[in-house]
Structures are given as C-alpha cells and as structure tokens.
Amino acid sequence: MKIIYDTISKIVLVLMLAAAVSFQAQERVISVDEVKNLALENNKKIKKAQQSIEAAKAARTSAEAGGKPTVDGSVGGYYFSKPLSDLIPEVLGSANVNVTQVLYAGGKVETGKKISSAAVDLQMAQKSLTKEEVKLSAETTYWQIVNAKEKIALAKEYIRLLDQLHTNVKNSFDAGLTYKNDLLKVEVQQNEAQLNLKRAEDGLSIAKLNLAQIAGLSNSDFDVEDAVSGGFDGVLADSQLQPTNRPELSILAKAVEMNELQEKLLDGDRKPSVALSGIGFSSFGKNVNPVNMKNNMQGFVGMLSVNIPIYDWGARKEKVKEQQYKTNAQKLEMEETKELLVLEVQNAVMQLNQSVKRIELAEKSLVQATENLRLNQDRYDAGTVVAEEVLKAQVLWQEAKSEILDAKAEYKINEAKYKKASGVSNVY
C-alpha cells in the first residue's frame, strides 16, 4: 500500500507541475481598449508630462508666496586685531533679523501668480495632448500586430496551396506529363512564399516589441485578439465640421494668455515699487555699547524704500513692445492652427471613407479571385489547363486576401485618427 501511495503522490505532483508550467506558458491576450489603458498608465511620455505638471505647480506655489513678507536672519562672530581693536571690541558677536514686505510693485506680484497658474493649465493641456498621441500610437501598433498575425496565417495557407500544387505538378513531371519548367515555377513561388512568411513573422516581433514599449509591458510575451472585427462604416463629410476638445487649442490659448500676462509683467518694470523693511540686531562684545559701555547692545532699524524708474533711454518701453509683437504672433499661430485642425479633420474623414471603399473593392476582388482559383483548379484536375494557370490564380487569390487584410487594418487605424482629429475620443 505504501508503494501505491507513493506512486500516486508522484503522479499527482508531476501533473500539478505540468499544469503550472502550462499555465505560465500561456500568453496574455489583450484587447485594443486594454492596450490603450496600459499605455495611459505606464507610458514614460505621460509620466514625464506629469512631472512637468508637478514642476509647474511647485512654481505656482513659489509665486503665490511672492507677495508675503520675507524674514531673513544672520549670526556672525568677529575678531579684530590692532589697530581696530583699539576702536571696537576685540571679540564681537552679532545676530540680525531682517523683515521685508513689498507694498507695491507695479502689479508684478499678482501678474506673476497668474502666469504661474496659466503655466499649470498649459502643462495639463500638454499632458492631454500626450495622452491622445500615445493612445493613437498604441492603437495603430495594435492593429499592425493584428494585421501581421493574419498575414502569417495567410502566408501559411498560401504555402499549403503551393505545396499541394507542387505535389501534383511533381507527380505529373515524374510521369512525363509536364515539363520541368512548370515544376520550377512552382518552386520559385514556394521560395517567395517562405520569404514572405519570414517577413511577416519578423514584422510581428518588431510590432510586439514596439507595443510593449508604448504600453509599458515588461516583455513581448503577449497576444492580441485574433482578427479585425466590427463594422466598417464611413463618415459623412461635413464642410462645417470643427474639431472639438483638441488639447492643441488649449495649449495655444494658454500660451497667448501667458504672453499677455508677460506684457503686464514687463510693463510693471516701468512703475514705481515700494517696500518696507525692518532690521532687528543684537551685538555682544566687551564695551560694545557706546552709550553705556555695556557688553551688549540691541536695536531696531526701520526703512521705507521707494524705487521710481526715471529714464532708461526707452529700454523698458521697447521690451513691452517686443512682448506685444510676440503675443500677436502667438495669436496668429493659434488662428492658423485652428485652420489646420479643420483640414486635419476633413482629411481624416476622407481617409476613413477611402478605407471603406477599399474594403468594398477588396471584398469583391477576393470573391472573384476565389472563384477564379476554383475554376482553374477544376480545369487543372480535368486536364484542360496547365499548372501555370493554377499558379497564377493562387497568386491572385493571395494578393486579394492580403489586400483585404491591409484594408481592414488601415480602416481601424484611420478610424482612430479620425476620432483623435475630431476630438471625440475620450481623454482618460
């Protein structure tokens, strides 16, 4: 009984280990939505954009402290040799506290706060743009992987057809019913098919590595859903279609706002500034107090300073004008960008509609090529056509099948581009 029990235990252990290995070997299958979510969570460009936002927030906090009083302190110890020690204590210690409050600075403090807030908004809009670009890149690569997988399956199916034809032609050649030239033509096509299969496999590997980098995956040991599915509908062209929710517009709007605030900041340099300062001090040393000759002395100094710009040969005025020209240039860029975004949407509509038409024509071609292949195969089996006709029919079928795969993958990519261009894709 002990031997039977040990044997059963070993069998169960082996089965459990095999099951564990099999489970680990299974590739993770991810969908296009999951790919986009992973990219938004892990992509380094998005993380970099978030760091820029945090930096802008820190700068805003710093600017908000600009109108508050500042307190500085210092402590020092001194030793004086002769002849200075005959006039002041030989050993002297001092401590100072300086408090400064800006009362008026030509509006520069408040303007600086507004600029820092606008900078935060600009960085957030830049992150939104980065997200949209990363999503498009992830989805594009995803459909390239799907297309590569289907191209591999097509290449294998084509090789199977060629192998079958090769067998038939070789049998005919061995029987003296055909020429060797016919056999060589099939073999040349077999070599080309093997090369195409290798290219498709290499393209799949590169695309998976690229997607792993975009989505922040640790390796390329994953798989995607098998085929291009869903509807392939076009979009009605609308000459009045306007892009909405585009981060580019928010970025440029904030850039214009910051340029306008920069004008006010430079204009503030032409206005007077008023500051109030107070210095409290304490000194220690032998007979340091000249009034009562005590060894310590404390006091306070208050100061009101007014700085009035009088004349600088027009330098400050020209800086303001320079900034005004920059602001106007920024506004023109924003207007031009709006026009270009409208063109981008229209182009995306046309590209998507072209993809729909391409799919329709490719499907018709595939039906025709399939029927052509069937007819030529039947005629070859009946001995009414030579193998070259079947070979040509197989090539046409393979090209038609490849065309429809490319067309469907192109549609999915153009659909993603259209959503990005029109601003209808959700920002996660």
Protein backbone atom coordinates (compact mmCIF):
# COMPACT_ATOMS: atom_id res chain seq x y z
CA MET A 1 0.00 0.00 0.00
CA LYS A 2 2.85 2.38 0.79
CA ILE A 3 4.34 1.82 -2.67
CA ILE A 4 0.97 2.51 -4.33
CA TYR A 5 0.50 5.65 -2.22
CA ASP A 6 3.99 6.95 -3.12
CA THR A 7 3.39 6.25 -6.80
CA ILE A 8 0.06 8.10 -6.79
CA SER A 9 1.64 11.04 -4.94
CA LYS A 10 4.42 11.31 -7.52
CA ILE A 11 1.95 11.19 -10.41
CA VAL A 12 -0.19 13.92 -8.83
CA LEU A 13 2.93 16.06 -8.24
CA VAL A 14 4.05 15.68 -11.84
CA LEU A 15 0.58 16.58 -13.11
CA MET A 16 0.47 19.65 -10.88
CA LEU A 17 3.90 20.80 -12.08
CA ALA A 18 2.91 20.24 -15.70
CA ALA A 19 -0.28 22.21 -15.18
CA ALA A 20 1.67 25.05 -13.56
CA VAL A 21 4.17 25.17 -16.41
CA SER A 22 1.35 25.09 -18.95
CA PHE A 23 -0.43 27.95 -17.15
CA GLN A 24 2.74 30.05 -17.06
CA ALA A 25 3.41 29.36 -20.72
CA GLN A 26 0.03 30.72 -21.76
CA GLU A 27 0.35 34.12 -23.36
CA ARG A 28 -1.65 37.01 -22.07
CA VAL A 29 -4.33 38.05 -24.55
CA ILE A 30 -5.06 41.79 -24.59
CA SER A 31 -7.71 43.85 -26.35
CA VAL A 32 -7.30 47.24 -28.00
CA ASP A 33 -9.02 49.01 -25.08
CA GLU A 34 -6.74 47.26 -22.60
CA VAL A 35 -3.72 48.29 -24.64
CA LYS A 36 -4.77 51.95 -24.51
CA ASN A 37 -5.39 51.75 -20.76
CA LEU A 38 -1.98 50.18 -20.17
CA ALA A 39 -0.33 52.86 -22.30
CA LEU A 40 -2.04 55.63 -20.33
CA GLU A 41 -0.90 54.06 -17.06
CA ASN A 42 2.66 53.12 -17.94
CA ASN A 43 3.91 55.18 -20.87
CA LYS A 44 7.01 57.17 -20.00
CA LYS A 45 5.97 60.18 -22.07
CA ILE A 46 2.83 60.56 -19.97
CA LYS A 47 4.82 60.15 -16.75
CA LYS A 48 7.23 62.82 -17.99
CA ALA A 49 4.29 65.13 -18.71
CA GLN A 50 3.02 64.58 -15.15
CA GLN A 51 6.41 65.58 -13.77
CA SER A 52 6.20 68.80 -15.78
CA ILE A 53 2.80 69.46 -14.19
CA GLU A 54 4.23 68.93 -10.71
CA ALA A 55 7.09 71.31 -11.52
CA ALA A 56 4.60 73.95 -12.71
CA LYS A 57 2.56 73.51 -9.53
CA ALA A 58 5.70 74.00 -7.43
CA ALA A 59 6.47 77.17 -9.39
CA ARG A 60 2.90 78.38 -8.76
CA THR A 61 3.27 77.81 -5.03
CA SER A 62 6.52 79.75 -5.10
CA ALA A 63 4.87 82.63 -7.00
CA GLU A 64 1.96 82.75 -4.53
CA ALA A 65 4.48 83.42 -1.76
CA GLY A 66 5.83 86.44 -3.64
CA GLY A 67 3.51 88.97 -2.00
CA LYS A 68 4.13 87.79 1.53
CA PRO A 69 6.76 89.24 3.89
CA THR A 70 10.18 87.63 3.93
CA VAL A 71 12.22 87.01 7.06
CA ASP A 72 15.99 86.53 6.93
CA GLY A 73 18.36 86.04 9.78
CA SER A 74 22.13 86.02 10.23
CA VAL A 75 24.58 85.27 13.01
CA GLY A 76 28.25 86.25 12.97
CA GLY A 77 31.33 86.28 15.17
CA TYR A 78 34.31 88.57 14.65
CA TYR A 79 37.83 89.02 15.96
CA PHE A 80 39.69 92.30 15.36
CA SER A 81 43.39 92.80 15.72
CA LYS A 82 45.14 96.06 16.36
CA PRO A 83 44.71 98.85 15.46
CA LEU A 84 40.97 98.09 15.00
CA SER A 85 40.77 96.57 18.50
CA ASP A 86 41.65 99.99 19.90
CA LEU A 87 38.43 101.38 18.39
CA ILE A 88 35.97 98.46 18.63
CA PRO A 89 35.80 95.36 20.83
CA GLU A 90 38.46 92.78 20.03
CA VAL A 91 35.86 89.99 20.05
CA LEU A 92 32.37 90.72 18.76
CA GLY A 93 29.24 88.65 18.11
CA SER A 94 26.10 89.79 16.34
CA ALA A 95 22.67 88.49 15.31
CA ASN A 96 20.35 90.19 12.82
CA VAL A 97 16.75 89.60 11.73
CA ASN A 98 15.56 91.32 8.56
CA VAL A 99 11.84 91.52 7.73
CA THR A 100 10.81 92.89 4.29
CA GLN A 101 7.33 93.49 2.95
CA VAL A 102 6.72 94.65 -0.62
CA LEU A 103 3.86 97.14 -0.52
CA TYR A 104 3.61 97.87 -4.24
CA ALA A 105 5.49 96.50 -7.25
CA GLY A 106 3.55 97.76 -10.22
CA GLY A 107 1.24 94.74 -10.22
CA LYS A 108 4.11 92.34 -10.94
CA VAL A 109 3.37 90.11 -7.95
CA GLU A 110 -0.23 89.38 -8.94
CA THR A 111 0.74 89.06 -12.60
CA GLY A 112 3.42 86.53 -11.67
CA LYS A 113 0.83 84.49 -9.81
CA LYS A 114 -1.46 84.47 -12.85
CA ILE A 115 1.40 83.44 -15.12
CA SER A 116 2.29 80.51 -12.85
CA SER A 117 -1.35 79.37 -12.75
CA ALA A 118 -1.59 79.58 -16.53
CA ALA A 119 1.63 77.54 -16.77
CA VAL A 120 -0.01 74.76 -14.75
CA ASP A 121 -3.02 74.76 -17.07
CA LEU A 122 -0.72 74.71 -20.09
CA GLN A 123 1.18 71.68 -18.79
CA MET A 124 -2.09 69.88 -18.08
CA ALA A 125 -3.22 70.55 -21.65
CA GLN A 126 0.16 69.29 -22.88
CA LYS A 127 -0.37 66.09 -20.91
CA SER A 128 -3.81 65.68 -22.52
CA LEU A 129 -2.18 66.02 -25.94
CA THR A 130 0.48 63.48 -24.98
CA LYS A 131 -2.26 61.07 -23.90
CA GLU A 132 -4.05 61.38 -27.22
CA GLU A 133 -0.82 60.82 -29.14
CA VAL A 134 0.09 57.80 -27.01
CA LYS A 135 -3.39 56.31 -27.43
CA LEU A 136 -3.18 56.71 -31.20
CA SER A 137 0.30 55.21 -31.29
CA ALA A 138 -0.80 52.25 -29.15
CA GLU A 139 -3.91 51.58 -31.23
CA THR A 140 -2.00 51.91 -34.50
CA THR A 141 0.61 49.41 -33.35
CA TYR A 142 -2.12 47.09 -32.05
CA TRP A 143 -3.79 46.86 -35.47
CA GLN A 144 -0.41 46.41 -37.11
CA ILE A 145 0.09 43.37 -34.88
CA VAL A 146 -3.36 42.01 -35.75
CA ASN A 147 -2.59 42.51 -39.44
CA ALA A 148 0.79 40.81 -39.09
CA LYS A 149 -0.83 37.81 -37.39
CA GLU A 150 -3.38 37.45 -40.15
CA LYS A 151 -0.66 37.88 -42.77
CA ILE A 152 1.21 34.96 -41.15
CA ALA A 153 -1.94 32.80 -41.28
CA LEU A 154 -2.46 33.81 -44.90
CA ALA A 155 1.16 33.01 -45.76
CA LYS A 156 0.82 29.55 -44.24
CA GLU A 157 -2.41 28.92 -46.12
CA TYR A 158 -0.78 30.07 -49.35
CA ILE A 159 2.20 27.79 -48.70
CA ARG A 160 -0.21 24.90 -48.16
CA LEU A 161 -1.84 25.58 -51.53
CA LEU A 162 1.56 25.81 -53.23
CA ASP A 163 2.72 22.58 -51.59
CA GLN A 164 -0.38 20.82 -52.83
CA LEU A 165 0.15 22.19 -56.33
CA HIS A 166 3.83 21.25 -56.15
CA THR A 167 2.91 17.67 -55.31
CA ASN A 168 0.53 17.45 -58.26
CA VAL A 169 2.99 19.02 -60.70
CA LYS A 170 5.84 16.81 -59.48
CA ASN A 171 3.71 13.72 -59.95
CA SER A 172 2.92 14.89 -63.47
CA PHE A 173 6.59 15.61 -64.13
CA ASP A 174 7.66 12.22 -62.80
CA ALA A 175 5.06 10.66 -65.08
CA GLY A 176 6.41 12.63 -68.05
CA LEU A 177 3.20 14.59 -68.47
CA THR A 178 4.66 18.06 -67.95
CA TYR A 179 7.89 19.99 -68.29
CA LYS A 180 10.40 20.68 -65.54
CA ASN A 181 9.91 24.37 -66.20
CA ASP A 182 6.39 24.10 -64.74
CA LEU A 183 7.80 22.49 -61.60
CA LEU A 184 10.48 25.18 -61.25
CA LYS A 185 7.88 27.96 -61.48
CA VAL A 186 6.00 26.48 -58.54
CA GLU A 187 9.21 26.05 -56.54
CA VAL A 188 10.20 29.68 -57.17
CA GLN A 189 6.80 30.76 -55.87
CA GLN A 190 7.27 28.49 -52.84
CA ASN A 191 10.55 30.21 -52.03
CA GLU A 192 8.90 33.63 -52.33
CA ALA A 193 6.08 32.48 -50.05
CA GLN A 194 8.56 31.28 -47.41
CA LEU A 195 10.32 34.66 -47.56
CA ASN A 196 7.00 36.48 -47.15
CA LEU A 197 6.21 34.30 -44.16
CA LYS A 198 9.54 35.20 -42.58
CA ARG A 199 8.93 38.89 -43.22
CA ALA A 200 5.51 38.67 -41.60
CA GLU A 201 6.92 36.87 -38.57
CA ASP A 202 9.69 39.46 -38.18
CA GLY A 203 7.18 42.27 -38.59
CA LEU A 204 5.04 40.75 -35.85
CA SER A 205 8.02 40.50 -33.49
CA ILE A 206 9.04 44.13 -34.05
CA ALA A 207 5.47 45.38 -33.69
CA LYS A 208 5.02 43.49 -30.41
CA LEU A 209 8.26 44.94 -29.05
CA ASN A 210 7.11 48.40 -30.08
CA LEU A 211 3.74 47.94 -28.39
CA ALA A 212 5.42 46.62 -25.25
CA GLN A 213 7.45 49.82 -25.06
CA ILE A 214 4.42 52.05 -25.63
CA ALA A 215 2.23 50.24 -23.11
CA GLY A 216 4.98 49.79 -20.53
CA LEU A 217 4.92 45.98 -20.68
CA SER A 218 7.95 44.17 -19.32
CA ASN A 219 8.24 41.90 -22.38
CA SER A 220 6.53 40.95 -25.62
CA ASP A 221 5.12 37.66 -24.32
CA PHE A 222 1.52 38.60 -25.06
CA ASP A 223 -1.03 38.07 -27.76
CA VAL A 224 -3.80 40.22 -29.23
CA GLU A 225 -7.31 39.38 -30.30
CA ASP A 226 -7.29 37.29 -33.42
CA ALA A 227 -8.94 39.34 -36.12
CA VAL A 228 -10.14 42.74 -37.22
CA SER A 229 -13.79 42.77 -36.20
CA GLY A 230 -16.65 45.25 -36.02
CA GLY A 231 -18.34 47.41 -38.60
CA PHE A 232 -16.63 49.33 -41.35
CA ASP A 233 -18.85 52.36 -41.77
CA GLY A 234 -17.89 55.62 -43.39
CA VAL A 235 -18.30 59.16 -42.08
CA LEU A 236 -20.42 61.81 -43.74
CA ALA A 237 -18.24 64.65 -44.99
CA ASP A 238 -19.23 67.99 -43.47
CA SER A 239 -17.56 71.16 -44.66
CA GLN A 240 -18.54 72.83 -41.38
CA LEU A 241 -17.10 70.10 -39.18
CA GLN A 242 -14.99 71.69 -36.46
CA PRO A 243 -12.54 69.93 -34.15
CA THR A 244 -13.63 69.97 -30.52
CA ASN A 245 -11.82 69.27 -27.28
CA ARG A 246 -8.45 69.40 -29.02
CA PRO A 247 -5.61 69.85 -26.49
CA GLU A 248 -3.63 71.81 -29.09
CA LEU A 249 -6.19 74.64 -28.89
CA SER A 250 -5.99 74.71 -25.10
CA ILE A 251 -2.20 74.81 -25.24
CA LEU A 252 -2.16 77.73 -27.67
CA ALA A 253 -4.87 79.60 -25.75
CA LYS A 254 -2.83 79.34 -22.56
CA ALA A 255 0.29 80.39 -24.45
CA VAL A 256 -1.49 83.54 -25.64
CA GLU A 257 -2.69 84.23 -22.10
CA MET A 258 0.82 83.85 -20.72
CA ASN A 259 2.21 86.20 -23.38
CA GLU A 260 -0.40 88.82 -22.48
CA LEU A 261 0.46 88.48 -18.80
CA GLN A 262 4.13 88.79 -19.67
CA GLU A 263 3.31 92.17 -21.23
CA LYS A 264 1.84 93.33 -17.93
CA LEU A 265 4.84 91.96 -16.06
CA LEU A 266 7.25 93.94 -18.23
CA ASP A 267 5.04 97.00 -18.01
CA GLY A 268 5.30 96.73 -14.22
CA ASP A 269 9.03 97.43 -14.52
CA ARG A 270 8.09 100.94 -15.68
CA LYS A 271 6.14 101.63 -12.48
CA PRO A 272 7.48 102.55 -9.03
CA SER A 273 7.90 99.93 -6.32
CA VAL A 274 7.51 100.42 -2.56
CA ALA A 275 8.95 98.14 0.13
CA LEU A 276 9.06 98.30 3.92
CA SER A 277 11.95 96.72 5.79
CA GLY A 278 12.76 96.24 9.43
CA ILE A 279 16.09 95.07 10.85
CA GLY A 280 16.47 93.95 14.43
CA PHE A 281 20.00 93.43 15.68
CA SER A 282 21.81 92.29 18.77
CA SER A 283 25.56 92.56 19.38
CA PHE A 284 27.79 91.17 22.10
CA GLY A 285 31.34 92.21 22.97
CA LYS A 286 33.41 93.99 25.57
CA ASN A 287 32.08 97.56 25.88
CA VAL A 288 30.19 97.14 22.62
CA ASN A 289 27.51 99.67 23.64
CA PRO A 290 28.97 103.15 23.07
CA VAL A 291 26.24 104.79 25.18
CA ASN A 292 26.63 102.95 28.47
CA MET A 293 29.70 100.83 27.69
CA LYS A 294 27.81 97.62 28.38
CA ASN A 295 28.83 94.33 26.81
CA ASN A 296 25.61 94.00 24.80
CA MET A 297 23.57 96.19 22.51
CA GLN A 298 20.14 95.67 20.89
CA GLY A 299 18.30 97.87 18.44
CA PHE A 300 15.92 98.15 15.51
CA VAL A 301 16.16 99.88 12.14
CA GLY A 302 13.09 100.58 10.01
CA MET A 303 13.29 101.58 6.36
CA LEU A 304 10.78 102.54 3.71
CA SER A 305 12.19 102.40 0.19
CA VAL A 306 10.62 103.75 -2.98
CA ASN A 307 12.14 102.90 -6.33
CA ILE A 308 10.99 105.13 -9.19
CA PRO A 309 12.12 104.44 -12.77
CA ILE A 310 13.02 107.79 -14.29
CA TYR A 311 14.78 107.35 -17.60
CA ASP A 312 16.37 104.36 -19.33
CA TRP A 313 16.53 105.53 -22.98
CA GLY A 314 13.27 103.71 -23.73
CA ALA A 315 14.63 100.22 -22.95
CA ARG A 316 11.68 99.15 -20.76
CA LYS A 317 9.15 100.54 -23.22
CA GLU A 318 10.72 98.62 -26.10
CA LYS A 319 10.66 95.40 -24.08
CA VAL A 320 6.92 95.83 -23.65
CA LYS A 321 6.52 96.43 -27.40
CA GLU A 322 8.66 93.37 -28.13
CA GLN A 323 6.38 91.24 -25.99
CA GLN A 324 3.31 92.69 -27.71
CA TYR A 325 4.66 91.57 -31.08
CA LYS A 326 5.31 88.10 -29.64
CA THR A 327 1.75 87.98 -28.33
CA ASN A 328 0.36 88.95 -31.74
CA ALA A 329 2.49 86.25 -33.38
CA GLN A 330 1.15 83.70 -30.88
CA LYS A 331 -2.44 84.72 -31.69
CA LEU A 332 -1.77 84.29 -35.41
CA GLU A 333 -0.30 80.85 -34.76
CA MET A 334 -3.43 79.89 -32.84
CA GLU A 335 -5.66 81.03 -35.71
CA GLU A 336 -3.53 79.13 -38.21
CA THR A 337 -3.62 76.03 -36.03
CA LYS A 338 -7.42 76.18 -35.91
CA GLU A 339 -7.50 76.24 -39.70
CA LEU A 340 -5.04 73.35 -39.93
CA LEU A 341 -7.04 71.30 -37.42
CA VAL A 342 -10.15 71.75 -39.56
CA LEU A 343 -8.17 70.49 -42.56
CA GLU A 344 -6.91 67.58 -40.47
CA VAL A 345 -10.47 66.57 -39.63
CA GLN A 346 -11.56 66.79 -43.26
CA ASN A 347 -8.56 64.73 -44.33
CA ALA A 348 -9.31 62.14 -41.64
CA VAL A 349 -12.90 61.90 -42.93
CA MET A 350 -11.71 61.36 -46.50
CA GLN A 351 -9.10 58.77 -45.43
CA LEU A 352 -11.71 56.83 -43.45
CA ASN A 353 -14.18 56.89 -46.33
CA GLN A 354 -11.43 55.77 -48.69
CA SER A 355 -10.75 52.83 -46.39
CA VAL A 356 -14.43 51.84 -46.54
CA LYS A 357 -14.30 51.92 -50.36
CA ARG A 358 -11.05 49.98 -50.35
CA ILE A 359 -12.64 47.25 -48.21
CA GLU A 360 -15.66 47.04 -50.52
CA LEU A 361 -13.49 46.67 -53.62
CA ALA A 362 -11.14 44.23 -51.89
CA GLU A 363 -14.05 42.02 -50.87
CA LYS A 364 -15.32 41.94 -54.45
CA SER A 365 -11.83 41.12 -55.70
CA LEU A 366 -11.49 38.33 -53.16
CA VAL A 367 -14.79 36.78 -54.25
CA GLN A 368 -13.68 36.96 -57.89
CA ALA A 369 -10.19 35.62 -57.12
CA THR A 370 -11.63 32.73 -55.07
CA GLU A 371 -13.97 31.76 -57.88
CA ASN A 372 -11.15 32.10 -60.42
CA LEU A 373 -8.95 29.81 -58.31
CA ARG A 374 -11.73 27.23 -58.01
CA LEU A 375 -12.39 27.21 -61.74
CA ASN A 376 -8.73 26.88 -62.66
CA GLN A 377 -8.21 24.13 -60.09
CA ASP A 378 -11.17 22.21 -61.50
CA ARG A 379 -9.88 22.66 -65.05
CA TYR A 380 -6.40 21.58 -63.99
CA ASP A 381 -7.83 18.49 -62.33
CA ALA A 382 -9.71 17.84 -65.57
CA GLY A 383 -6.52 18.34 -67.59
CA THR A 384 -7.80 21.30 -69.64
CA VAL A 385 -5.30 23.89 -68.28
CA VAL A 386 -1.67 23.70 -67.26
CA ALA A 387 -0.31 24.19 -63.73
CA GLU A 388 0.83 27.72 -64.55
CA GLU A 389 -2.79 28.86 -64.75
CA VAL A 390 -3.49 27.46 -61.28
CA LEU A 391 -0.33 29.13 -60.02
CA LYS A 392 -1.45 32.49 -61.41
CA ALA A 393 -4.87 32.01 -59.84
CA GLN A 394 -3.28 31.24 -56.48
CA VAL A 395 -1.16 34.39 -56.70
CA LEU A 396 -4.23 36.49 -57.47
CA TRP A 397 -6.10 34.90 -54.56
CA GLN A 398 -3.21 35.54 -52.20
CA GLU A 399 -2.94 39.17 -53.32
CA ALA A 400 -6.70 39.72 -52.96
CA LYS A 401 -6.70 38.19 -49.49
CA SER A 402 -3.71 40.27 -48.46
CA GLU A 403 -5.37 43.42 -49.82
CA ILE A 404 -8.49 42.93 -47.72
CA LEU A 405 -6.41 42.35 -44.59
CA ASP A 406 -4.48 45.57 -45.23
CA ALA A 407 -7.69 47.45 -45.99
CA LYS A 408 -9.37 46.42 -42.73
CA ALA A 409 -6.30 47.20 -40.64
CA GLU A 410 -6.00 50.56 -42.42
CA TYR A 411 -9.65 51.28 -41.62
CA LYS A 412 -9.12 50.68 -37.90
CA ILE A 413 -6.05 52.94 -37.89
CA ASN A 414 -7.84 55.67 -39.86
CA GLU A 415 -10.82 55.37 -37.55
CA ALA A 416 -8.55 56.07 -34.57
CA LYS A 417 -7.01 59.02 -36.44
CA TYR A 418 -10.47 60.40 -37.20
CA LYS A 419 -11.51 60.19 -33.54
CA LYS A 420 -8.35 61.99 -32.48
CA ALA A 421 -8.68 64.65 -35.18
CA SER A 422 -12.34 65.37 -34.39
CA GLY A 423 -11.73 65.32 -30.65
CA VAL A 424 -14.42 62.70 -29.99
CA SER A 425 -12.05 60.20 -28.39
CA ASN A 426 -12.28 60.31 -24.62
CA VAL A 427 -9.30 61.54 -22.68
CA TYR A 428 -8.70 59.04 -19.89
